[in-house]
Protein backbone atom coordinates (compact mmCIF):
# COMPACT_ATOMS: atom_id res chain seq x y z
CA MET A 1 78.86 73.29 120.97
CA LYS A 2 81.90 75.42 120.09
CA TYR A 3 85.17 75.82 122.23
CA GLU A 4 87.47 78.30 121.73
CA GLU A 5 91.42 77.19 121.73
CA LEU A 6 93.28 79.42 123.34
CA TYR A 7 97.13 78.68 123.89
CA HIS A 8 99.68 79.50 126.63
CA THR A 9 102.91 78.26 127.66
CA GLU A 10 103.81 76.87 130.90
CA GLU A 11 107.22 75.72 131.80
CA VAL A 12 107.68 72.51 133.13
CA LYS A 13 109.14 72.45 137.00
CA PRO A 14 111.86 69.39 136.98
CA LYS A 15 110.82 67.79 140.30
CA GLY A 16 114.08 65.46 142.50
CA LEU A 17 115.34 65.65 145.51
CA LEU A 18 117.82 68.13 144.39
CA THR A 19 115.38 70.83 142.29
CA PHE A 20 116.59 72.96 145.29
CA PHE A 21 120.71 73.10 144.25
CA HIS A 22 119.24 72.93 140.42
CA LEU A 23 120.72 69.30 140.33
CA ASP A 24 119.23 66.30 138.46
CA THR A 25 119.04 63.89 140.97
CA VAL A 26 119.73 60.87 138.79
CA LEU A 27 123.37 62.56 137.34
CA THR A 28 123.71 63.91 140.50
CA PHE A 29 123.91 60.29 142.28
CA LEU A 30 126.32 58.36 139.04
CA ILE A 31 128.78 61.84 138.78
CA SER A 32 129.03 61.16 143.17
CA MET A 33 129.82 57.57 142.33
CA LEU A 34 132.48 58.05 140.07
CA THR A 35 134.47 60.65 141.91
CA LEU A 36 134.05 58.75 145.06
CA PHE A 37 135.21 55.50 143.20
CA SER A 38 138.00 58.11 141.79
CA ILE A 39 139.40 58.80 145.87
CA LEU A 40 139.25 55.47 146.44
CA VAL A 41 141.03 54.12 143.45
CA LEU A 42 143.71 56.87 143.52
CA TYR A 43 144.37 56.13 147.19
CA SER A 44 145.35 52.69 146.08
CA ALA A 45 146.98 54.10 142.65
CA SER A 46 149.21 56.58 144.06
CA ASN A 47 150.76 53.89 146.55
CA HIS A 48 148.86 55.26 149.66
CA ASN A 49 149.79 59.00 148.96
CA MET A 50 147.32 60.97 150.68
CA ALA A 51 148.47 64.55 148.96
CA TYR A 52 147.16 63.07 145.86
CA VAL A 53 143.90 61.95 147.44
CA THR A 54 143.57 64.87 149.69
CA SER A 55 143.82 67.40 146.07
CA GLN A 56 141.81 65.45 144.09
CA ALA A 57 139.30 65.71 147.21
CA LEU A 58 139.12 69.48 147.27
CA LYS A 59 139.25 69.70 143.68
CA ILE A 60 135.83 67.63 143.42
CA GLY A 61 134.69 69.54 146.27
CA GLY A 62 135.13 72.89 144.32
CA GLY A 63 133.85 70.97 140.80
CA PHE A 64 130.60 70.35 142.57
CA VAL A 65 130.31 73.86 143.96
CA LEU A 66 130.68 75.38 140.49
CA MET A 67 128.46 72.93 138.78
CA ILE A 68 125.86 74.30 141.04
CA ILE A 69 127.02 78.13 139.96
CA ILE A 70 126.48 77.34 136.11
CA ALA A 71 123.29 75.55 137.33
CA PHE A 72 121.58 78.40 138.77
CA ILE A 73 123.11 81.06 135.98
CA PRO A 74 120.06 82.28 133.63
CA PRO A 75 120.37 80.62 130.33
CA ALA A 76 119.92 83.47 128.32
CA ARG A 77 123.14 84.75 130.09
CA ILE A 78 124.99 81.70 129.36
CA LYS A 79 124.24 82.25 125.52
CA GLN A 80 125.34 86.05 125.58
CA LEU A 81 128.35 84.89 127.27
CA THR A 82 129.00 82.04 124.76
CA PRO A 83 131.08 84.56 121.60
CA LEU A 84 133.25 85.98 124.68
CA PHE A 85 133.72 82.59 126.30
CA TYR A 86 135.29 81.37 122.83
CA ILE A 87 137.40 84.70 122.51
CA PHE A 88 138.82 84.12 125.89
CA ALA A 89 139.75 80.48 125.12
CA LEU A 90 141.96 81.85 121.97
CA LEU A 91 143.43 84.60 123.98
CA LEU A 92 144.72 81.66 126.40
CA LEU A 93 145.73 79.28 123.57
CA THR A 94 147.36 82.48 121.98
CA ALA A 95 149.47 82.69 125.07
CA VAL A 96 150.38 79.66 125.69
CA ILE A 97 152.62 80.09 122.16
CA PHE A 98 154.72 82.82 124.35
CA ILE A 99 154.43 82.37 127.87
CA GLY A 100 153.50 78.57 128.24
CA VAL A 101 155.68 76.73 130.63
CA GLU A 102 157.11 73.41 128.69
CA ALA A 103 156.73 70.17 129.99
CA ASN A 104 157.48 66.56 127.79
CA GLY A 105 158.79 68.86 124.93
CA ALA A 106 155.18 70.45 124.46
CA HIS A 107 154.39 73.83 125.67
CA ARG A 108 150.62 73.44 126.66
CA TRP A 109 150.79 75.08 130.51
CA ILE A 110 150.00 78.73 131.63
CA ASP A 111 151.94 79.07 135.18
CA LEU A 112 150.08 81.88 136.55
CA LYS A 113 152.47 81.23 139.94
CA VAL A 114 149.16 80.96 142.35
CA ILE A 115 147.48 78.70 139.78
CA ARG A 116 148.83 76.26 136.74
CA PHE A 117 146.17 75.59 134.35
CA GLN A 118 145.64 74.50 130.74
CA PRO A 119 143.80 76.57 128.45
CA SER A 120 143.01 73.22 125.65
CA GLU A 121 140.72 71.87 128.26
CA ILE A 122 138.70 75.34 128.20
CA ALA A 123 138.76 75.02 124.39
CA LYS A 124 136.88 71.82 124.54
CA LEU A 125 134.00 73.46 126.28
CA ALA A 126 134.61 76.62 124.46
CA VAL A 127 134.41 75.54 121.03
CA PRO A 128 131.33 73.19 120.69
CA MET A 129 129.53 76.18 122.63
CA MET A 130 130.46 78.16 120.23
CA VAL A 131 129.52 76.20 117.27
CA ALA A 132 126.22 75.48 118.49
CA TYR A 133 125.76 79.30 119.21
CA TYR A 134 126.48 80.05 115.73
CA LEU A 135 124.21 77.65 114.33
CA HIS A 136 121.35 78.06 116.18
CA LYS A 137 121.18 81.24 114.83
CA THR A 138 120.40 79.76 111.17
CA ASN A 139 118.19 77.46 109.91
CA LEU A 140 118.79 74.15 110.64
CA PRO A 141 119.65 71.75 109.18
CA PRO A 142 122.58 73.92 108.25
CA LYS A 143 123.40 74.75 104.26
CA LEU A 144 127.38 74.70 102.99
CA ILE A 145 128.26 78.21 104.22
CA ASN A 146 127.11 77.26 107.64
CA ILE A 147 129.23 74.18 107.54
CA VAL A 148 132.37 76.37 106.65
CA GLY A 149 131.34 78.60 109.21
CA SER A 150 131.59 76.56 111.59
CA LEU A 151 134.62 74.35 110.28
CA ILE A 152 136.52 77.61 110.42
CA LEU A 153 135.14 78.64 114.57
CA ILE A 154 136.61 74.85 115.06
CA GLY A 155 139.68 75.01 112.89
CA ILE A 156 141.34 78.01 114.73
CA PRO A 157 141.70 76.45 118.05
CA PHE A 158 142.86 72.81 116.59
CA ALA A 159 145.49 74.60 115.00
CA LEU A 160 147.02 76.37 118.32
CA ILE A 161 146.58 73.13 120.16
CA PHE A 162 148.02 71.19 117.22
CA MET A 163 151.22 73.62 117.49
CA GLN A 164 151.50 73.01 120.97
CA PRO A 165 152.00 70.07 120.27
CA ASP A 166 149.02 67.97 121.37
CA LEU A 167 147.45 65.70 119.04
CA GLY A 168 145.24 64.41 121.68
CA THR A 169 143.37 67.76 122.75
CA ALA A 170 143.31 68.72 119.04
CA LEU A 171 141.40 65.71 118.31
CA ILE A 172 139.09 65.83 121.28
CA ILE A 173 138.87 69.37 120.09
CA LEU A 174 138.02 68.41 116.40
CA PHE A 175 135.43 66.02 117.95
CA SER A 176 133.61 67.86 120.23
CA GLY A 177 132.79 70.48 117.42
CA LEU A 178 132.05 67.96 114.98
CA ALA A 179 129.61 66.75 117.35
CA ALA A 180 127.17 69.77 117.66
CA LEU A 181 127.52 70.06 114.04
CA PHE A 182 126.72 66.55 113.82
CA LEU A 183 123.42 67.25 115.84
CA ALA A 184 122.65 70.05 113.61
CA GLY A 185 121.32 67.73 110.80
CA ILE A 186 124.23 67.80 108.72
CA GLN A 187 123.60 65.96 105.28
CA TRP A 188 125.25 62.56 104.73
CA ARG A 189 126.65 63.70 101.43
CA TYR A 190 129.00 66.47 103.46
CA ILE A 191 129.58 63.93 105.84
CA PHE A 192 130.85 61.01 103.05
CA ILE A 193 132.91 64.59 101.49
CA ALA A 194 134.56 64.87 104.70
CA THR A 195 135.35 61.58 105.22
CA VAL A 196 137.25 61.27 101.97
CA SER A 197 138.90 64.54 102.60
CA VAL A 198 140.12 63.06 106.29
CA ALA A 199 141.30 60.22 103.87
CA ILE A 200 143.20 61.94 101.70
CA ALA A 201 144.90 64.22 104.48
CA ILE A 202 146.32 61.48 106.34
CA PRO A 203 149.63 60.81 104.33
CA SER A 204 150.25 64.53 104.32
CA MET A 205 149.45 64.62 107.95
CA TRP A 206 152.06 61.86 108.85
CA PHE A 207 154.87 62.99 106.89
CA PHE A 208 154.67 66.98 107.69
CA GLY A 209 152.05 67.49 110.69
CA MET A 210 153.16 64.80 113.23
CA LYS A 211 156.43 65.18 115.67
CA GLU A 212 158.49 62.05 115.56
CA TYR A 213 157.46 61.18 119.41
CA GLN A 214 153.41 61.41 118.15
CA LYS A 215 154.69 59.05 114.85
CA ASP A 216 156.57 56.71 117.78
CA ARG A 217 153.15 56.74 119.53
CA VAL A 218 151.63 55.14 116.64
CA ILE A 219 154.06 53.03 115.50
CA THR A 220 154.19 51.46 119.32
CA PHE A 221 150.14 51.05 118.86
CA LEU A 222 150.53 48.72 116.06
CA ASN A 223 153.78 46.91 117.37
CA PRO A 224 154.43 47.48 121.26
CA GLU A 225 156.67 44.76 121.51
CA SER A 226 159.13 46.02 119.08
CA ASP A 227 160.68 48.34 121.96
CA PRO A 228 159.49 46.72 125.15
CA LEU A 229 161.90 48.32 127.60
CA GLY A 230 161.19 51.53 125.68
CA LYS A 231 158.81 53.16 123.85
CA GLY A 232 156.24 50.22 124.10
CA TYR A 233 156.74 49.95 127.50
CA GLN A 234 153.68 51.66 129.15
CA ILE A 235 151.28 50.04 126.92
CA ILE A 236 152.77 46.74 127.74
CA GLN A 237 152.63 46.84 131.65
CA SER A 238 149.32 48.47 130.77
CA LYS A 239 147.38 45.20 129.50
CA ILE A 240 149.17 43.30 131.85
CA ALA A 241 147.73 45.07 134.58
CA ILE A 242 144.07 44.53 132.89
CA GLY A 243 145.43 41.09 131.78
CA SER A 244 146.18 40.15 135.22
CA GLY A 245 143.04 41.46 136.64
CA GLY A 246 141.08 38.46 135.14
CA ILE A 247 137.40 38.60 136.31
CA TYR A 248 136.91 39.55 139.81
CA GLY A 249 140.30 41.18 140.05
CA LYS A 250 143.00 41.22 143.13
CA GLY A 251 141.26 43.25 145.48
CA TRP A 252 141.81 46.95 146.52
CA GLN A 253 145.27 47.96 147.21
CA ASN A 254 146.72 44.69 145.92
CA SER A 255 147.98 45.83 143.01
CA THR A 256 151.46 44.77 141.49
CA GLN A 257 152.08 47.08 139.05
CA VAL A 258 151.55 49.94 141.87
CA SER A 259 153.77 48.16 144.50
CA LEU A 260 156.70 47.31 142.36
CA GLN A 261 156.28 50.53 140.50
CA PHE A 262 156.16 49.29 137.12
CA LEU A 263 153.27 51.46 135.48
CA PRO A 264 154.15 55.07 134.69
CA GLU A 265 151.20 57.18 135.06
CA ALA A 266 148.90 55.09 136.78
CA THR A 267 147.27 57.82 138.75
CA THR A 268 146.64 60.08 135.81
CA ASP A 269 145.90 58.74 132.14
CA PHE A 270 146.25 54.75 133.11
CA ILE A 271 144.45 54.49 136.19
CA TYR A 272 141.61 52.44 134.26
CA ALA A 273 144.70 49.61 134.12
CA ILE A 274 144.77 49.76 138.03
CA ILE A 275 141.35 49.57 138.12
CA GLY A 276 141.08 46.47 135.60
CA GLU A 277 144.21 44.78 137.64
CA GLU A 278 142.25 45.37 141.14
CA PHE A 279 138.89 45.22 140.41
CA GLY A 280 138.76 42.97 137.09
CA LEU A 281 136.06 42.57 134.73
CA ILE A 282 133.05 42.73 137.02
CA GLY A 283 135.13 46.30 137.95
CA THR A 284 135.75 47.87 134.77
CA SER A 285 132.21 46.46 133.16
CA PHE A 286 130.36 48.13 136.36
CA LEU A 287 132.60 51.37 135.43
CA ILE A 288 131.86 51.51 131.77
CA ILE A 289 127.54 50.96 132.83
CA VAL A 290 127.71 53.94 134.87
CA TYR A 291 129.45 56.01 132.33
CA LEU A 292 127.04 54.91 129.75
CA LEU A 293 124.03 56.17 132.33
CA ILE A 294 125.77 59.47 132.47
CA ILE A 295 125.75 59.74 128.80
CA TRP A 296 122.33 58.30 128.97
CA ARG A 297 120.75 60.49 130.99
CA GLY A 298 122.40 63.45 129.48
CA LEU A 299 121.11 62.83 126.13
CA TYR A 300 117.83 62.71 127.96
CA ILE A 301 118.42 66.23 129.38
CA ALA A 302 119.80 67.65 126.58
CA LEU A 303 116.41 66.57 124.40
CA HIS A 304 114.35 68.46 126.77
CA ALA A 305 116.34 71.75 126.58
CA ARG A 306 114.58 75.19 125.67
CA ASP A 307 116.13 75.81 122.47
CA SER A 308 118.51 74.19 120.01
CA TYR A 309 121.23 76.36 121.07
CA PHE A 310 121.32 74.00 124.41
CA GLN A 311 120.28 71.28 122.62
CA LEU A 312 123.52 71.03 121.00
CA VAL A 313 125.48 72.00 123.54
CA GLY A 314 123.98 69.48 125.82
CA GLY A 315 124.09 67.17 123.21
CA ALA A 316 127.76 67.57 122.22
CA ILE A 317 128.91 67.68 125.52
CA CYS A 318 127.28 63.83 126.14
CA LEU A 319 128.83 63.12 123.02
CA VAL A 320 132.39 64.43 123.79
CA PHE A 321 131.88 62.53 127.10
CA PHE A 322 131.62 59.28 125.34
CA PHE A 323 134.94 59.88 122.96
CA TYR A 324 137.02 60.75 126.35
CA VAL A 325 135.84 57.14 127.99
CA PHE A 326 136.11 55.41 124.63
CA VAL A 327 139.85 56.82 123.73
CA ASN A 328 141.23 56.36 127.41
CA THR A 329 139.93 52.17 128.22
CA GLY A 330 141.17 52.14 124.24
CA MET A 331 144.64 53.45 124.54
CA VAL A 332 144.64 51.86 127.79
CA SER A 333 143.56 48.29 126.39
CA GLY A 334 146.12 48.57 123.57
CA ILE A 335 143.40 49.18 121.09
CA LEU A 336 144.17 53.01 120.29
CA PRO A 337 147.60 54.50 120.22
CA VAL A 338 148.46 56.43 122.93
CA VAL A 339 147.21 60.31 122.91
CA GLY A 340 147.11 61.52 126.67
CA VAL A 341 143.28 61.27 127.35
CA PRO A 342 142.64 61.38 131.32
CA LEU A 343 139.73 58.92 131.95
CA PRO A 344 136.82 61.42 133.04
CA PHE A 345 136.00 62.01 136.67
CA VAL A 346 138.66 59.37 138.05
CA SER A 347 141.81 60.10 136.56
CA TYR A 348 143.67 62.61 138.62
CA GLY A 349 143.50 66.15 137.17
CA GLY A 350 142.84 69.61 138.02
CA THR A 351 141.98 72.00 134.89
CA ALA A 352 140.67 68.59 132.76
CA ILE A 353 138.25 68.01 135.76
CA MET A 354 137.27 71.54 136.31
CA THR A 355 135.82 71.42 133.01
CA LEU A 356 134.12 68.65 132.94
CA PHE A 357 132.02 69.71 136.09
CA VAL A 358 131.25 73.28 134.34
CA SER A 359 130.15 70.94 131.54
CA PHE A 360 127.75 69.01 133.59
CA GLY A 361 126.81 72.42 135.32
CA ILE A 362 125.21 72.96 132.02
CA LEU A 363 124.02 69.96 131.64
CA MET A 364 121.94 70.52 135.02
CA ASN A 365 121.43 74.37 133.94
CA ILE A 366 119.58 72.52 130.33
CA TYR A 367 117.54 70.61 133.30
CA SER A 368 116.64 73.07 135.62
CA HIS A 369 115.29 75.35 132.63
CA PRO A 370 113.64 73.15 130.39
CA ALA A 371 111.27 73.74 127.36
CA SER A 372 108.31 75.06 127.74
CA ILE A 373 104.74 73.08 126.52
CA THR A 374 102.16 74.40 124.95
CA LYS A 375 98.42 73.84 126.53
CA ARG A 376 95.18 73.87 125.61
CA ILE A 377 91.92 75.43 127.50
CA GLN A 378 88.76 74.76 126.03
């Protein structure tokens, strides 16, 4: 008996409680947990300042709306607009040079009176999207010419941000672009050459590229006790906060560092130290587990993307999210130098948290528009 094999494609429809809003139930639940925890911790870290709490709550609410909007956009339109988004980010970074607002010796912000934002946060998403857009049009794994092209796309915004100067964000931009390049299947010999080149370039970076305050941060990281009341004060107080929390913590709103105002930036980059003091090892471990679950779910969604462009973008978003968590927790714990990276979805902020919601809106878009499957009809 003979069978005629006919093939057609049928889109796999995602299932879940939030399918109507194009949201993945698991990812939405985990993000909601983080944002609610953010409000809880921020109330304590700000010493009961409701202005901080209200502002953060409004940004989180707006972020969720923005995430849903991004999830509804047709995937083809997102891909089509990627080059324009990248060019827009470059124009904003260039504008910072001429009209940027100075803060702590650096020009990183654009103030439009109605809104004040940091263009480098937009570039964190635009760069991996553009690299993915460029590479998905080529044969993967990428050839040398395509790798060079990708490095140029990464290098331009990296240089613009480095000149602000903002070394921490510049490194995240570099990592975000390289993450998309790595996921495209770059050969290991190129990775080895890049590693050796970076090792050779580090001395030149130290003597000719880094500002004095950036060098001070590295020196402080190596020996914070050398200036305990000056440059090393922040990291020393941060480690005291985490260590004093012990296993179970002192309890919510019982932070000595907050009540006595020993720890600067307690609501932003160093909020992880307050979490360690109030909730202890158990609290910080639970937080890290939630972050890892978000990364796992995001990678799972990216793996089932409809094409290589969305696979690269989704994977890069997850790796950059991991980089955020790793750098912030390492920085606050004294394992890494202080580079000014916020704790995702927890630290107080505006542009950074909105960019995160846009990034996860793209992941939700991938989830709601998954790959097609091929069925055989006998």
